[in-house]
């Protein structure tokens, strides 16, 4: 029983440290700006958009991306998460038995039905 509470104590310590470190860093940064250790001199160059070392060109500096890019990113995330669920299952497959095989088959079939639906409504076509 002592080991049981010891594990929760370690978890509580981890949560406290994981919360205190970022808050402490923000607080130190704020206090450093109050005593002029950290300079605060905003200007036009500091507030321009900077990406990959390339200067922004033209008056339209904010560009909205087409939704099709988000669709591919969303599909990538969905199937990446599927892979995260498949790896532990594959490692423990021998111990889990037939029930786990049926369960994972249903999981993959649900994702496959979603992919087929996206294909049917032409959500995966680029020129849309």
C-alpha atoms as a PDB file:
ATOM      1  CA  UNK A   1       0.000   0.000   0.000  1.00  0.00           C
ATOM      2  CA  UNK A   2       2.923   2.327   0.710  1.00  0.00           C
ATOM      3  CA  UNK A   3       4.232   1.867  -2.830  1.00  0.00           C
ATOM      4  CA  UNK A   4       0.755   2.728  -4.137  1.00  0.00           C
ATOM      5  CA  UNK A   5       0.758   6.164  -2.482  1.00  0.00           C
ATOM      6  CA  UNK A   6       4.415   6.652  -3.388  1.00  0.00           C
ATOM      7  CA  UNK A   7       3.508   6.393  -7.077  1.00  0.00           C
ATOM      8  CA  UNK A   8       0.792   9.037  -6.699  1.00  0.00           C
ATOM      9  CA  UNK A   9       3.255  11.240  -4.838  1.00  0.00           C
ATOM     10  CA  UNK A  10       5.639  11.028  -7.779  1.00  0.00           C
ATOM     11  CA  UNK A  11       2.813  11.880 -10.157  1.00  0.00           C
ATOM     12  CA  UNK A  12       1.814  14.877  -8.036  1.00  0.00           C
ATOM     13  CA  UNK A  13       5.442  16.061  -7.939  1.00  0.00           C
ATOM     14  CA  UNK A  14       5.673  15.746 -11.713  1.00  0.00           C
ATOM     15  CA  UNK A  15       2.496  17.798 -12.193  1.00  0.00           C
ATOM     16  CA  UNK A  16       3.721  20.490  -9.790  1.00  0.00           C
ATOM     17  CA  UNK A  17       7.121  20.757 -11.500  1.00  0.00           C
ATOM     18  CA  UNK A  18       5.584  20.646 -14.996  1.00  0.00           C
ATOM     19  CA  UNK A  19       3.320  23.541 -14.028  1.00  0.00           C
ATOM     20  CA  UNK A  20       5.833  25.542 -11.981  1.00  0.00           C
ATOM     21  CA  UNK A  21       8.663  25.574 -14.539  1.00  0.00           C
ATOM     22  CA  UNK A  22       6.775  27.341 -17.381  1.00  0.00           C
ATOM     23  CA  UNK A  23       5.079  29.730 -14.952  1.00  0.00           C
ATOM     24  CA  UNK A  24       8.446  30.465 -13.349  1.00  0.00           C
ATOM     25  CA  UNK A  25      10.047  31.122 -16.732  1.00  0.00           C
ATOM     26  CA  UNK A  26       7.275  33.533 -17.704  1.00  0.00           C
ATOM     27  CA  UNK A  27       7.511  35.263 -14.331  1.00  0.00           C
ATOM     28  CA  UNK A  28      11.301  35.664 -14.570  1.00  0.00           C
ATOM     29  CA  UNK A  29      10.945  37.056 -18.091  1.00  0.00           C
ATOM     30  CA  UNK A  30       8.302  39.529 -16.936  1.00  0.00           C
ATOM     31  CA  UNK A  31      10.373  40.629 -13.943  1.00  0.00           C
ATOM     32  CA  UNK A  32      13.460  40.980 -16.150  1.00  0.00           C
ATOM     33  CA  UNK A  33      11.545  43.338 -18.413  1.00  0.00           C
ATOM     34  CA  UNK A  34      10.499  45.422 -15.387  1.00  0.00           C
ATOM     35  CA  UNK A  35      14.088  46.064 -14.288  1.00  0.00           C
ATOM     36  CA  UNK A  36      15.346  46.665 -17.847  1.00  0.00           C
ATOM     37  CA  UNK A  37      17.426  43.501 -18.088  1.00  0.00           C
ATOM     38  CA  UNK A  38      15.440  42.479 -21.115  1.00  0.00           C
ATOM     39  CA  UNK A  39      15.077  45.338 -23.620  1.00  0.00           C
ATOM     40  CA  UNK A  40      11.611  46.225 -24.854  1.00  0.00           C
ATOM     41  CA  UNK A  41      11.925  48.273 -28.017  1.00  0.00           C
ATOM     42  CA  UNK A  42       9.136  47.406 -30.453  1.00  0.00           C
ATOM     43  CA  UNK A  43       9.560  48.545 -34.040  1.00  0.00           C
ATOM     44  CA  UNK A  44       8.252  47.745 -37.524  1.00  0.00           C
ATOM     45  CA  UNK A  45      10.971  45.185 -38.278  1.00  0.00           C
ATOM     46  CA  UNK A  46      10.273  43.173 -35.137  1.00  0.00           C
ATOM     47  CA  UNK A  47       6.548  42.967 -35.834  1.00  0.00           C
ATOM     48  CA  UNK A  48       6.789  41.844 -39.480  1.00  0.00           C
ATOM     49  CA  UNK A  49       6.033  38.268 -40.408  1.00  0.00           C
ATOM     50  CA  UNK A  50       9.165  36.126 -40.564  1.00  0.00           C
ATOM     51  CA  UNK A  51       9.052  32.669 -42.021  1.00  0.00           C
ATOM     52  CA  UNK A  52      12.015  30.629 -43.229  1.00  0.00           C
ATOM     53  CA  UNK A  53      14.182  33.721 -43.641  1.00  0.00           C
ATOM     54  CA  UNK A  54      12.152  35.010 -46.583  1.00  0.00           C
ATOM     55  CA  UNK A  55      10.907  38.586 -46.488  1.00  0.00           C
ATOM     56  CA  UNK A  56       7.162  39.004 -47.138  1.00  0.00           C
ATOM     57  CA  UNK A  57       6.429  40.322 -50.631  1.00  0.00           C
ATOM     58  CA  UNK A  58       3.493  42.501 -51.614  1.00  0.00           C
ATOM     59  CA  UNK A  59       0.744  44.200 -49.654  1.00  0.00           C
ATOM     60  CA  UNK A  60      -1.108  40.962 -48.874  1.00  0.00           C
ATOM     61  CA  UNK A  61       1.035  39.471 -46.134  1.00  0.00           C
ATOM     62  CA  UNK A  62      -1.656  37.214 -44.662  1.00  0.00           C
ATOM     63  CA  UNK A  63      -2.575  34.389 -47.017  1.00  0.00           C
ATOM     64  CA  UNK A  64      -5.536  32.107 -46.466  1.00  0.00           C
ATOM     65  CA  UNK A  65      -4.914  28.540 -47.505  1.00  0.00           C
ATOM     66  CA  UNK A  66      -7.496  26.558 -49.372  1.00  0.00           C
ATOM     67  CA  UNK A  67      -9.420  23.980 -47.346  1.00  0.00           C
ATOM     68  CA  UNK A  68      -8.047  21.097 -49.414  1.00  0.00           C
ATOM     69  CA  UNK A  69      -4.714  21.417 -47.591  1.00  0.00           C
ATOM     70  CA  UNK A  70      -6.483  21.026 -44.258  1.00  0.00           C
ATOM     71  CA  UNK A  71      -8.361  17.979 -45.536  1.00  0.00           C
ATOM     72  CA  UNK A  72      -5.105  16.175 -46.325  1.00  0.00           C
ATOM     73  CA  UNK A  73      -3.614  17.218 -42.994  1.00  0.00           C
ATOM     74  CA  UNK A  74      -6.705  15.939 -41.189  1.00  0.00           C
ATOM     75  CA  UNK A  75      -6.561  12.613 -43.021  1.00  0.00           C
ATOM     76  CA  UNK A  76      -2.879  12.304 -42.135  1.00  0.00           C
ATOM     77  CA  UNK A  77      -3.624  12.903 -38.452  1.00  0.00           C
ATOM     78  CA  UNK A  78      -6.476  10.372 -38.438  1.00  0.00           C
ATOM     79  CA  UNK A  79      -4.401   7.604 -39.982  1.00  0.00           C
ATOM     80  CA  UNK A  80      -1.375   8.519 -37.887  1.00  0.00           C
ATOM     81  CA  UNK A  81      -3.471   8.060 -34.747  1.00  0.00           C
ATOM     82  CA  UNK A  82      -4.697   4.760 -36.157  1.00  0.00           C
ATOM     83  CA  UNK A  83      -1.076   3.652 -36.396  1.00  0.00           C
ATOM     84  CA  UNK A  84      -0.493   4.688 -32.789  1.00  0.00           C
ATOM     85  CA  UNK A  85      -3.349   2.393 -31.741  1.00  0.00           C
ATOM     86  CA  UNK A  86      -2.221  -0.467 -33.980  1.00  0.00           C
ATOM     87  CA  UNK A  87       1.362  -0.755 -32.666  1.00  0.00           C
ATOM     88  CA  UNK A  88       0.569  -1.711 -29.044  1.00  0.00           C
ATOM     89  CA  UNK A  89      -2.140  -4.052 -30.276  1.00  0.00           C
ATOM     90  CA  UNK A  90       0.307  -5.760 -32.648  1.00  0.00           C
ATOM     91  CA  UNK A  91       2.878  -6.173 -29.883  1.00  0.00           C
ATOM     92  CA  UNK A  92       0.359  -7.796 -27.519  1.00  0.00           C
ATOM     93  CA  UNK A  93      -1.579  -9.696 -30.172  1.00  0.00           C
ATOM     94  CA  UNK A  94      -0.421 -13.132 -28.981  1.00  0.00           C
ATOM     95  CA  UNK A  95      -1.690 -12.528 -25.449  1.00  0.00           C
ATOM     96  CA  UNK A  96      -4.962 -10.821 -26.354  1.00  0.00           C
ATOM     97  CA  UNK A  97      -6.560 -13.547 -28.418  1.00  0.00           C
ATOM     98  CA  UNK A  98      -9.483 -13.598 -30.828  1.00  0.00           C
ATOM     99  CA  UNK A  99     -11.513 -10.870 -29.114  1.00  0.00           C
ATOM    100  CA  UNK A 100      -8.766  -8.300 -29.732  1.00  0.00           C
ATOM    101  CA  UNK A 101      -8.509  -9.373 -33.374  1.00  0.00           C
ATOM    102  CA  UNK A 102     -12.235  -8.785 -33.903  1.00  0.00           C
ATOM    103  CA  UNK A 103     -12.064  -5.496 -32.001  1.00  0.00           C
ATOM    104  CA  UNK A 104      -9.180  -4.202 -34.133  1.00  0.00           C
ATOM    105  CA  UNK A 105     -10.882  -5.407 -37.308  1.00  0.00           C
ATOM    106  CA  UNK A 106     -13.960  -3.338 -36.401  1.00  0.00           C
ATOM    107  CA  UNK A 107     -11.741  -0.324 -35.634  1.00  0.00           C
ATOM    108  CA  UNK A 108      -9.968  -0.526 -38.994  1.00  0.00           C
ATOM    109  CA  UNK A 109     -13.263  -1.112 -40.822  1.00  0.00           C
ATOM    110  CA  UNK A 110     -14.776   2.053 -39.311  1.00  0.00           C
ATOM    111  CA  UNK A 111     -11.791   4.048 -40.558  1.00  0.00           C
ATOM    112  CA  UNK A 112     -11.983   2.339 -43.940  1.00  0.00           C
ATOM    113  CA  UNK A 113     -15.688   3.194 -44.267  1.00  0.00           C
ATOM    114  CA  UNK A 114     -14.815   6.831 -43.531  1.00  0.00           C
ATOM    115  CA  UNK A 115     -12.077   6.787 -46.175  1.00  0.00           C
ATOM    116  CA  UNK A 116     -14.413   5.221 -48.755  1.00  0.00           C
ATOM    117  CA  UNK A 117     -17.056   7.847 -47.953  1.00  0.00           C
ATOM    118  CA  UNK A 118     -14.515  10.653 -48.424  1.00  0.00           C
ATOM    119  CA  UNK A 119     -13.507   9.081 -51.726  1.00  0.00           C
ATOM    120  CA  UNK A 120     -17.134   8.781 -52.894  1.00  0.00           C
ATOM    121  CA  UNK A 121     -18.017  12.415 -52.140  1.00  0.00           C
ATOM    122  CA  UNK A 122     -14.799  13.396 -53.970  1.00  0.00           C
ATOM    123  CA  UNK A 123     -13.268  15.028 -50.898  1.00  0.00           C
ATOM    124  CA  UNK A 124      -9.862  13.687 -51.921  1.00  0.00           C
ATOM    125  CA  UNK A 125      -9.796  15.227 -55.393  1.00  0.00           C
ATOM    126  CA  UNK A 126      -7.320  18.053 -55.790  1.00  0.00           C
ATOM    127  CA  UNK A 127      -8.958  20.035 -58.599  1.00  0.00           C
ATOM    128  CA  UNK A 128     -12.260  20.582 -56.811  1.00  0.00           C
END
